[in-house]
Full PDB file with SEQRES, HELIX, SHEET, SSBOND, CRYST1, ORIGX, SCALE, CONECT and MASTER records, all heavy atoms in Angstrom:
SEQRES   1 A   33  LEU LEU PHE VAL LEU PRO LYS VAL LYS ALA VAL THR ALA          
SEQRES   2 A   33  GLU TRP ASN SER ARG ILE ALA ASP GLY ILE SER LYS GLU          
SEQRES   3 A   33  ASP MET ALA VAL PHE ASN SER                                  
HELIX    1 AA1 LEU A    5  ILE A   19  1                                  15    
HELIX    2 AA2 LYS A   25  ASN A   32  1                                   8    
CRYST1    1.000    1.000    1.000  90.00  90.00  90.00 P 1           1          
ORIGX1      1.000000  0.000000  0.000000        0.00000                         
ORIGX2      0.000000  1.000000  0.000000        0.00000                         
ORIGX3      0.000000  0.000000  1.000000        0.00000                         
SCALE1      1.000000  0.000000  0.000000        0.00000                         
SCALE2      0.000000  1.000000  0.000000        0.00000                         
SCALE3      0.000000  0.000000  1.000000        0.00000                         
ATOM      1  N   LEU A   1     103.714 109.350 116.348  1.00  0.00           N  
ATOM      2  CA  LEU A   1     104.692 108.864 115.369  1.00  0.00           C  
ATOM      3  C   LEU A   1     104.512 109.575 114.031  1.00  0.00           C  
ATOM      4  O   LEU A   1     105.496 109.978 113.401  1.00  0.00           O  
ATOM      5  CB  LEU A   1     104.583 107.352 115.183  1.00  0.00           C  
ATOM      6  CG  LEU A   1     105.566 106.731 114.191  1.00  0.00           C  
ATOM      7  CD1 LEU A   1     107.011 107.078 114.544  1.00  0.00           C  
ATOM      8  CD2 LEU A   1     105.388 105.236 114.111  1.00  0.00           C  
ATOM      9  N   LEU A   2     103.280 109.727 113.598  1.00  0.00           N  
ATOM     10  CA  LEU A   2     103.034 110.408 112.328  1.00  0.00           C  
ATOM     11  C   LEU A   2     103.513 111.860 112.379  1.00  0.00           C  
ATOM     12  O   LEU A   2     103.934 112.409 111.353  1.00  0.00           O  
ATOM     13  CB  LEU A   2     101.548 110.335 111.969  1.00  0.00           C  
ATOM     14  CG  LEU A   2     101.028 108.916 111.687  1.00  0.00           C  
ATOM     15  CD1 LEU A   2      99.525 108.941 111.474  1.00  0.00           C  
ATOM     16  CD2 LEU A   2     101.749 108.266 110.516  1.00  0.00           C  
ATOM     17  N   PHE A   3     103.493 112.468 113.569  1.00  0.00           N  
ATOM     18  CA  PHE A   3     103.982 113.832 113.735  1.00  0.00           C  
ATOM     19  C   PHE A   3     105.498 113.912 113.547  1.00  0.00           C  
ATOM     20  O   PHE A   3     106.009 114.859 112.952  1.00  0.00           O  
ATOM     21  CB  PHE A   3     103.589 114.364 115.120  1.00  0.00           C  
ATOM     22  CG  PHE A   3     104.058 115.763 115.377  1.00  0.00           C  
ATOM     23  CD1 PHE A   3     103.395 116.844 114.817  1.00  0.00           C  
ATOM     24  CD2 PHE A   3     105.169 116.002 116.176  1.00  0.00           C  
ATOM     25  CE1 PHE A   3     103.831 118.149 115.050  1.00  0.00           C  
ATOM     26  CE2 PHE A   3     105.614 117.292 116.413  1.00  0.00           C  
ATOM     27  CZ  PHE A   3     104.945 118.373 115.850  1.00  0.00           C  
ATOM     28  N   VAL A   4     106.253 112.907 114.051  1.00  0.00           N  
ATOM     29  CA  VAL A   4     107.719 112.941 113.933  1.00  0.00           C  
ATOM     30  C   VAL A   4     108.226 112.310 112.637  1.00  0.00           C  
ATOM     31  O   VAL A   4     109.392 112.464 112.299  1.00  0.00           O  
ATOM     32  CB  VAL A   4     108.424 112.282 115.145  1.00  0.00           C  
ATOM     33  CG1 VAL A   4     108.081 112.980 116.434  1.00  0.00           C  
ATOM     34  CG2 VAL A   4     108.149 110.804 115.224  1.00  0.00           C  
ATOM     35  N   LEU A   5     107.348 111.627 111.903  1.00  0.00           N  
ATOM     36  CA  LEU A   5     107.763 110.951 110.673  1.00  0.00           C  
ATOM     37  C   LEU A   5     108.452 111.886 109.680  1.00  0.00           C  
ATOM     38  O   LEU A   5     109.496 111.508 109.119  1.00  0.00           O  
ATOM     39  CB  LEU A   5     106.578 110.240 110.019  1.00  0.00           C  
ATOM     40  CG  LEU A   5     106.882 109.467 108.743  1.00  0.00           C  
ATOM     41  CD1 LEU A   5     107.898 108.353 109.002  1.00  0.00           C  
ATOM     42  CD2 LEU A   5     105.592 108.901 108.158  1.00  0.00           C  
ATOM     43  N   PRO A   6     107.954 113.096 109.434  1.00  0.00           N  
ATOM     44  CA  PRO A   6     108.665 113.978 108.498  1.00  0.00           C  
ATOM     45  C   PRO A   6     110.108 114.262 108.927  1.00  0.00           C  
ATOM     46  O   PRO A   6     110.998 114.339 108.085  1.00  0.00           O  
ATOM     47  CB  PRO A   6     107.820 115.259 108.502  1.00  0.00           C  
ATOM     48  CG  PRO A   6     106.456 114.804 108.878  1.00  0.00           C  
ATOM     49  CD  PRO A   6     106.676 113.680 109.860  1.00  0.00           C  
ATOM     50  N   LYS A   7     110.346 114.387 110.223  1.00  0.00           N  
ATOM     51  CA  LYS A   7     111.706 114.618 110.699  1.00  0.00           C  
ATOM     52  C   LYS A   7     112.574 113.382 110.465  1.00  0.00           C  
ATOM     53  O   LYS A   7     113.723 113.492 110.049  1.00  0.00           O  
ATOM     54  CB  LYS A   7     111.721 115.002 112.175  1.00  0.00           C  
ATOM     55  CG  LYS A   7     113.103 115.353 112.663  1.00  0.00           C  
ATOM     56  CD  LYS A   7     113.101 115.915 114.062  1.00  0.00           C  
ATOM     57  CE  LYS A   7     114.527 116.300 114.458  1.00  0.00           C  
ATOM     58  NZ  LYS A   7     114.585 116.855 115.798  1.00  0.00           N  
ATOM     59  N   VAL A   8     112.025 112.198 110.712  1.00  0.00           N  
ATOM     60  CA  VAL A   8     112.756 110.948 110.469  1.00  0.00           C  
ATOM     61  C   VAL A   8     113.128 110.857 108.990  1.00  0.00           C  
ATOM     62  O   VAL A   8     114.270 110.538 108.642  1.00  0.00           O  
ATOM     63  CB  VAL A   8     111.924 109.721 110.916  1.00  0.00           C  
ATOM     64  CG1 VAL A   8     112.580 108.425 110.478  1.00  0.00           C  
ATOM     65  CG2 VAL A   8     111.718 109.734 112.426  1.00  0.00           C  
ATOM     66  N   LYS A   9     112.177 111.173 108.123  1.00  0.00           N  
ATOM     67  CA  LYS A   9     112.445 111.132 106.679  1.00  0.00           C  
ATOM     68  C   LYS A   9     113.460 112.198 106.268  1.00  0.00           C  
ATOM     69  O   LYS A   9     114.303 111.951 105.407  1.00  0.00           O  
ATOM     70  CB  LYS A   9     111.144 111.295 105.897  1.00  0.00           C  
ATOM     71  CG  LYS A   9     110.257 110.073 105.952  1.00  0.00           C  
ATOM     72  CD  LYS A   9     109.009 110.267 105.107  1.00  0.00           C  
ATOM     73  CE  LYS A   9     108.189 109.002 105.030  1.00  0.00           C  
ATOM     74  NZ  LYS A   9     107.009 109.170 104.166  1.00  0.00           N  
ATOM     75  N   ALA A  10     113.382 113.366 106.901  1.00  0.00           N  
ATOM     76  CA  ALA A  10     114.331 114.443 106.576  1.00  0.00           C  
ATOM     77  C   ALA A  10     115.751 114.053 106.975  1.00  0.00           C  
ATOM     78  O   ALA A  10     116.707 114.333 106.242  1.00  0.00           O  
ATOM     79  CB  ALA A  10     113.921 115.738 107.268  1.00  0.00           C  
ATOM     80  N   VAL A  11     115.901 113.411 108.122  1.00  0.00           N  
ATOM     81  CA  VAL A  11     117.220 112.957 108.558  1.00  0.00           C  
ATOM     82  C   VAL A  11     117.752 111.913 107.583  1.00  0.00           C  
ATOM     83  O   VAL A  11     118.931 111.939 107.216  1.00  0.00           O  
ATOM     84  CB  VAL A  11     117.162 112.412 110.004  1.00  0.00           C  
ATOM     85  CG1 VAL A  11     118.439 111.689 110.382  1.00  0.00           C  
ATOM     86  CG2 VAL A  11     116.883 113.550 110.990  1.00  0.00           C  
ATOM     87  N   THR A  12     116.896 111.022 107.131  1.00  0.00           N  
ATOM     88  CA  THR A  12     117.289 110.015 106.136  1.00  0.00           C  
ATOM     89  C   THR A  12     117.739 110.684 104.845  1.00  0.00           C  
ATOM     90  O   THR A  12     118.785 110.328 104.282  1.00  0.00           O  
ATOM     91  CB  THR A  12     116.119 109.054 105.852  1.00  0.00           C  
ATOM     92  OG1 THR A  12     115.758 108.400 107.059  1.00  0.00           O  
ATOM     93  CG2 THR A  12     116.481 108.019 104.804  1.00  0.00           C  
ATOM     94  N   ALA A  13     116.959 111.643 104.380  1.00  0.00           N  
ATOM     95  CA  ALA A  13     117.302 112.345 103.142  1.00  0.00           C  
ATOM     96  C   ALA A  13     118.621 113.096 103.283  1.00  0.00           C  
ATOM     97  O   ALA A  13     119.449 113.092 102.359  1.00  0.00           O  
ATOM     98  CB  ALA A  13     116.174 113.306 102.756  1.00  0.00           C  
ATOM     99  N   GLU A  14     118.824 113.735 104.436  1.00  0.00           N  
ATOM    100  CA  GLU A  14     120.084 114.452 104.657  1.00  0.00           C  
ATOM    101  C   GLU A  14     121.264 113.484 104.620  1.00  0.00           C  
ATOM    102  O   GLU A  14     122.284 113.750 103.978  1.00  0.00           O  
ATOM    103  CB  GLU A  14     120.062 115.202 105.994  1.00  0.00           C  
ATOM    104  CG  GLU A  14     121.354 115.961 106.263  1.00  0.00           C  
ATOM    105  CD  GLU A  14     121.388 116.656 107.615  1.00  0.00           C  
ATOM    106  OE1 GLU A  14     120.395 116.626 108.366  1.00  0.00           O  
ATOM    107  OE2 GLU A  14     122.458 117.226 107.923  1.00  0.00           O  
ATOM    108  N   TRP A  15     121.130 112.359 105.309  1.00  0.00           N  
ATOM    109  CA  TRP A  15     122.206 111.359 105.315  1.00  0.00           C  
ATOM    110  C   TRP A  15     122.499 110.892 103.889  1.00  0.00           C  
ATOM    111  O   TRP A  15     123.658 110.859 103.460  1.00  0.00           O  
ATOM    112  CB  TRP A  15     121.857 110.163 106.197  1.00  0.00           C  
ATOM    113  CG  TRP A  15     122.869 109.075 106.088  1.00  0.00           C  
ATOM    114  CD1 TRP A  15     122.777 107.939 105.337  1.00  0.00           C  
ATOM    115  CD2 TRP A  15     124.168 109.034 106.699  1.00  0.00           C  
ATOM    116  NE1 TRP A  15     123.921 107.189 105.457  1.00  0.00           N  
ATOM    117  CE2 TRP A  15     124.788 107.842 106.291  1.00  0.00           C  
ATOM    118  CE3 TRP A  15     124.851 109.889 107.554  1.00  0.00           C  
ATOM    119  CZ2 TRP A  15     126.064 107.483 106.709  1.00  0.00           C  
ATOM    120  CZ3 TRP A  15     126.129 109.522 107.972  1.00  0.00           C  
ATOM    121  CH2 TRP A  15     126.716 108.332 107.553  1.00  0.00           C  
ATOM    122  N   ASN A  16     121.440 110.524 103.165  1.00  0.00           N  
ATOM    123  CA  ASN A  16     121.622 110.010 101.804  1.00  0.00           C  
ATOM    124  C   ASN A  16     122.290 111.043 100.904  1.00  0.00           C  
ATOM    125  O   ASN A  16     123.155 110.696 100.089  1.00  0.00           O  
ATOM    126  CB  ASN A  16     120.285 109.560 101.219  1.00  0.00           C  
ATOM    127  CG  ASN A  16     119.764 108.310 101.874  1.00  0.00           C  
ATOM    128  OD1 ASN A  16     120.496 107.572 102.532  1.00  0.00           O  
ATOM    129  ND2 ASN A  16     118.475 108.071 101.735  1.00  0.00           N  
ATOM    130  N   SER A  17     121.917 112.278 101.062  1.00  0.00           N  
ATOM    131  CA  SER A  17     122.516 113.343 100.261  1.00  0.00           C  
ATOM    132  C   SER A  17     123.989 113.542 100.614  1.00  0.00           C  
ATOM    133  O   SER A  17     124.846 113.628  99.728  1.00  0.00           O  
ATOM    134  CB  SER A  17     121.746 114.641 100.483  1.00  0.00           C  
ATOM    135  OG  SER A  17     122.388 115.705  99.834  1.00  0.00           O  
ATOM    136  N   ARG A  18     124.271 113.590 101.896  1.00  0.00           N  
ATOM    137  CA  ARG A  18     125.638 113.862 102.323  1.00  0.00           C  
ATOM    138  C   ARG A  18     126.588 112.705 102.022  1.00  0.00           C  
ATOM    139  O   ARG A  18     127.736 112.924 101.648  1.00  0.00           O  
ATOM    140  CB  ARG A  18     125.656 114.216 103.807  1.00  0.00           C  
ATOM    141  CG  ARG A  18     124.975 115.572 104.053  1.00  0.00           C  
ATOM    142  CD  ARG A  18     124.984 115.960 105.489  1.00  0.00           C  
ATOM    143  NE  ARG A  18     126.357 116.255 105.919  1.00  0.00           N  
ATOM    144  CZ  ARG A  18     126.658 116.574 107.176  1.00  0.00           C  
ATOM    145  NH1 ARG A  18     125.716 116.649 108.094  1.00  0.00           N  
ATOM    146  NH2 ARG A  18     127.899 116.825 107.506  1.00  0.00           N  
ATOM    147  N   ILE A  19     126.103 111.487 102.157  1.00  0.00           N  
ATOM    148  CA  ILE A  19     126.989 110.340 101.918  1.00  0.00           C  
ATOM    149  C   ILE A  19     127.284 110.169 100.428  1.00  0.00           C  
ATOM    150  O   ILE A  19     128.313 109.622 100.045  1.00  0.00           O  
ATOM    151  CB  ILE A  19     126.437 109.040 102.544  1.00  0.00           C  
ATOM    152  CG1 ILE A  19     127.547 107.995 102.609  1.00  0.00           C  
ATOM    153  CG2 ILE A  19     125.234 108.529 101.788  1.00  0.00           C  
ATOM    154  CD1 ILE A  19     127.236 106.823 103.469  1.00  0.00           C  
ATOM    155  N   ALA A  20     126.379 110.679  99.588  1.00  0.00           N  
ATOM    156  CA  ALA A  20     126.573 110.565  98.142  1.00  0.00           C  
ATOM    157  C   ALA A  20     127.278 111.785  97.551  1.00  0.00           C  
ATOM    158  O   ALA A  20     127.455 111.858  96.329  1.00  0.00           O  
ATOM    159  CB  ALA A  20     125.231 110.357  97.450  1.00  0.00           C  
ATOM    160  N   ASP A  21     127.706 112.705  98.407  1.00  0.00           N  
ATOM    161  CA  ASP A  21     128.366 113.921  97.936  1.00  0.00           C  
ATOM    162  C   ASP A  21     129.589 113.570  97.090  1.00  0.00           C  
ATOM    163  O   ASP A  21     130.420 112.751  97.474  1.00  0.00           O  
ATOM    164  CB  ASP A  21     128.783 114.774  99.135  1.00  0.00           C  
ATOM    165  CG  ASP A  21     129.313 116.129  98.719  1.00  0.00           C  
ATOM    166  OD1 ASP A  21     128.707 116.748  97.831  1.00  0.00           O  
ATOM    167  OD2 ASP A  21     130.350 116.559  99.273  1.00  0.00           O  
ATOM    168  N   GLY A  22     129.672 114.158  95.904  1.00  0.00           N  
ATOM    169  CA  GLY A  22     130.818 113.939  95.031  1.00  0.00           C  
ATOM    170  C   GLY A  22     130.710 112.697  94.157  1.00  0.00           C  
ATOM    171  O   GLY A  22     131.631 112.385  93.413  1.00  0.00           O  
ATOM    172  N   ILE A  23     129.599 111.991  94.251  1.00  0.00           N  
ATOM    173  CA  ILE A  23     129.396 110.785  93.439  1.00  0.00           C  
ATOM    174  C   ILE A  23     128.398 111.133  92.340  1.00  0.00           C  
ATOM    175  O   ILE A  23     127.328 111.672  92.617  1.00  0.00           O  
ATOM    176  CB  ILE A  23     128.885 109.615  94.301  1.00  0.00           C  
ATOM    177  CG1 ILE A  23     129.885 109.316  95.429  1.00  0.00           C  
ATOM    178  CG2 ILE A  23     128.648 108.377  93.445  1.00  0.00           C  
ATOM    179  CD1 ILE A  23     129.384 108.315  96.447  1.00  0.00           C  
ATOM    180  N   SER A  24     128.746 110.829  91.100  1.00  0.00           N  
ATOM    181  CA  SER A  24     127.873 111.179  89.972  1.00  0.00           C  
ATOM    182  C   SER A  24     126.563 110.399  90.035  1.00  0.00           C  
ATOM    183  O   SER A  24     126.484 109.324  90.633  1.00  0.00           O  
ATOM    184  CB  SER A  24     128.578 110.887  88.644  1.00  0.00           C  
ATOM    185  OG  SER A  24     128.654 109.488  88.430  1.00  0.00           O  
ATOM    186  N   LYS A  25     125.552 110.962  89.371  1.00  0.00           N  
ATOM    187  CA  LYS A  25     124.256 110.285  89.304  1.00  0.00           C  
ATOM    188  C   LYS A  25     124.382 108.929  88.625  1.00  0.00           C  
ATOM    189  O   LYS A  25     123.714 107.969  88.999  1.00  0.00           O  
ATOM    190  CB  LYS A  25     123.239 111.166  88.575  1.00  0.00           C  
ATOM    191  CG  LYS A  25     122.802 112.365  89.373  1.00  0.00           C  
ATOM    192  CD  LYS A  25     121.746 113.171  88.650  1.00  0.00           C  
ATOM    193  CE  LYS A  25     121.378 114.384  89.508  1.00  0.00           C  
ATOM    194  NZ  LYS A  25     120.286 115.140  88.944  1.00  0.00           N  
ATOM    195  N   GLU A  26     125.248 108.859  87.625  1.00  0.00           N  
ATOM    196  CA  GLU A  26     125.451 107.597  86.909  1.00  0.00           C  
ATOM    197  C   GLU A  26     126.058 106.547  87.835  1.00  0.00           C  
ATOM    198  O   GLU A  26     125.617 105.389  87.852  1.00  0.00           O  
ATOM    199  CB  GLU A  26     126.349 107.802  85.685  1.00  0.00           C  
ATOM    200  CG  GLU A  26     125.748 108.678  84.606  1.00  0.00           C  
ATOM    201  CD  GLU A  26     125.863 110.190  84.897  1.00  0.00           C  
ATOM    202  OE1 GLU A  26     126.636 110.599  85.798  1.00  0.00           O  
ATOM    203  OE2 GLU A  26     125.141 110.953  84.235  1.00  0.00           O  
ATOM    204  N   ASP A  27     127.084 106.948  88.603  1.00  0.00           N  
ATOM    205  CA  ASP A  27     127.701 106.010  89.544  1.00  0.00           C  
ATOM    206  C   ASP A  27     126.711 105.577  90.621  1.00  0.00           C  
ATOM    207  O   ASP A  27     126.684 104.410  91.032  1.00  0.00           O  
ATOM    208  CB  ASP A  27     128.945 106.622  90.194  1.00  0.00           C  
ATOM    209  CG  ASP A  27     130.139 106.666  89.251  1.00  0.00           C  
ATOM    210  OD1 ASP A  27     130.088 106.008  88.188  1.00  0.00           O  
ATOM    211  OD2 ASP A  27     131.123 107.364  89.585  1.00  0.00           O  
ATOM    212  N   MET A  28     125.875 106.512  91.081  1.00  0.00           N  
ATOM    213  CA  MET A  28     124.871 106.162  92.091  1.00  0.00           C  
ATOM    214  C   MET A  28     123.844 105.183  91.524  1.00  0.00           C  
ATOM    215  O   MET A  28     123.404 104.270  92.224  1.00  0.00           O  
ATOM    216  CB  MET A  28     124.169 107.411  92.632  1.00  0.00           C  
ATOM    217  CG  MET A  28     124.983 108.196  93.639  1.00  0.00           C  
ATOM    218  SD  MET A  28     125.554 107.230  95.071  1.00  0.00           S  
ATOM    219  CE  MET A  28     124.009 106.728  95.811  1.00  0.00           C  
ATOM    220  N   ALA A  29     123.481 105.362  90.261  1.00  0.00           N  
ATOM    221  CA  ALA A  29     122.529 104.445  89.635  1.00  0.00           C  
ATOM    222  C   ALA A  29     123.107 103.039  89.567  1.00  0.00           C  
ATOM    223  O   ALA A  29     122.415 102.056  89.874  1.00  0.00           O  
ATOM    224  CB  ALA A  29     122.141 104.936  88.240  1.00  0.00           C  
ATOM    225  N   VAL A  30     124.377 102.930  89.193  1.00  0.00           N  
ATOM    226  CA  VAL A  30     125.037 101.619  89.147  1.00  0.00           C  
ATOM    227  C   VAL A  30     125.117 101.039  90.553  1.00  0.00           C  
ATOM    228  O   VAL A  30     124.780  99.864  90.778  1.00  0.00           O  
ATOM    229  CB  VAL A  30     126.450 101.733  88.515  1.00  0.00           C  
ATOM    230  CG1 VAL A  30     127.235 100.437  88.687  1.00  0.00           C  
ATOM    231  CG2 VAL A  30     126.340 102.111  87.041  1.00  0.00           C  
ATOM    232  N   PHE A  31     125.543 101.846  91.511  1.00  0.00           N  
ATOM    233  CA  PHE A  31     125.646 101.384  92.894  1.00  0.00           C  
ATOM    234  C   PHE A  31     124.291 100.883  93.402  1.00  0.00           C  
ATOM    235  O   PHE A  31     124.205  99.802  93.993  1.00  0.00           O  
ATOM    236  CB  PHE A  31     126.163 102.506  93.802  1.00  0.00           C  
ATOM    237  CG  PHE A  31     126.110 102.158  95.265  1.00  0.00           C  
ATOM    238  CD1 PHE A  31     127.054 101.314  95.819  1.00  0.00           C  
ATOM    239  CD2 PHE A  31     125.096 102.661  96.069  1.00  0.00           C  
ATOM    240  CE1 PHE A  31     126.992 100.975  97.160  1.00  0.00           C  
ATOM    241  CE2 PHE A  31     125.031 102.328  97.414  1.00  0.00           C  
ATOM    242  CZ  PHE A  31     125.983 101.484  97.955  1.00  0.00           C  
ATOM    243  N   ASN A  32     123.237 101.683  93.188  1.00  0.00           N  
ATOM    244  CA  ASN A  32     121.904 101.288  93.664  1.00  0.00           C  
ATOM    245  C   ASN A  32     121.441  99.987  93.026  1.00  0.00           C  
ATOM    246  O   ASN A  32     120.824  99.146  93.690  1.00  0.00           O  
ATOM    247  CB  ASN A  32     120.891 102.408  93.427  1.00  0.00           C  
ATOM    248  CG  ASN A  32     121.089 103.552  94.382  1.00  0.00           C  
ATOM    249  OD1 ASN A  32     121.547 103.381  95.510  1.00  0.00           O  
ATOM    250  ND2 ASN A  32     120.749 104.752  93.938  1.00  0.00           N  
ATOM    251  N   SER A  33     121.758  99.796  91.763  1.00  0.00           N  
ATOM    252  CA  SER A  33     121.400  98.555  91.076  1.00  0.00           C  
ATOM    253  C   SER A  33     122.149  97.365  91.673  1.00  0.00           C  
ATOM    254  O   SER A  33     121.558  96.321  91.943  1.00  0.00           O  
ATOM    255  CB  SER A  33     121.711  98.688  89.585  1.00  0.00           C  
ATOM    256  OG  SER A  33     121.482  97.477  88.916  1.00  0.00           O  
TER     257      SER A  33                                                      
MASTER        0    0    0    2    0    0    0    6  256    1    0    3          
END                                                                             
């Protein structure tokens, strides 16, 4: 599991980046709050 964990985290990071595409950092901060 520890061996595949970086890939799991990378997939999460990719999803988070792609879904937030075109959304300002300020809007994301409000959304996250």
